[in-house]
Amino acid sequence: MQVVPTSVASLNVSVHRQIGKRKHMEDRYNIVEFEDDNPGLLAVVCDGHGGARCANFAVQYFSEYFTHIRRSNPTRRVKTWMSMALSKTCKYWDRVCFDSTDAPVSQSEIKHFFDSRDEDLYGKRQLDSGSTFLALYLQKNNNSYHILNLGDSQIMFGKEGNWKFSK
């Protein structure tokens, strides 16, 4: 287990990764702290499958897009920041892997996007990797949290022995 020091909301963040029977670790994560007028913490976790390319990509670009969108639109809701960052990440991944411009925007489009990519992965096209995706954003000012989860990964969080798993 690795402990990642943070200064946001007096948090202690730990990361646990287990390689199992694989030759290479395919899990990726990133933690971004925001110490401005609206302090918070973004944690992104991706469990790579069949290689780490997709997990690397998702962690890097979601974190970058979220940071940019948050700074550019400080009055928007966190849900909007997360949705916009996910949409931009999917758009870019789609362009990189499929040379496509069909960008998911709504929740139903995002579901269709992943369903169609599953068909490509297991059907006519073969991708070299895939990943689960999990993002957690903690807002210090109002002690709230927001979770975006695609797949079966979980984040455990709590305070003073009262631990909860994301669902």
Foldseek 3Di string as FASTA:
>chain_A
DAWDDDDFPRDIDDDDDDPPPDPDQQKDKDKDWDDDPWTKIKIKIKRKDLHNPANVLLRVQLVVQLVVCCVVCVPDDSVVSNQVSVQVSLQVVCCVPPVDRPTQRDPVSVVVSVVVVVCQCPHDHNDNMDIWMKMKMATRVVRDIDIDTGDDDWDWDDPDPPIDIDD
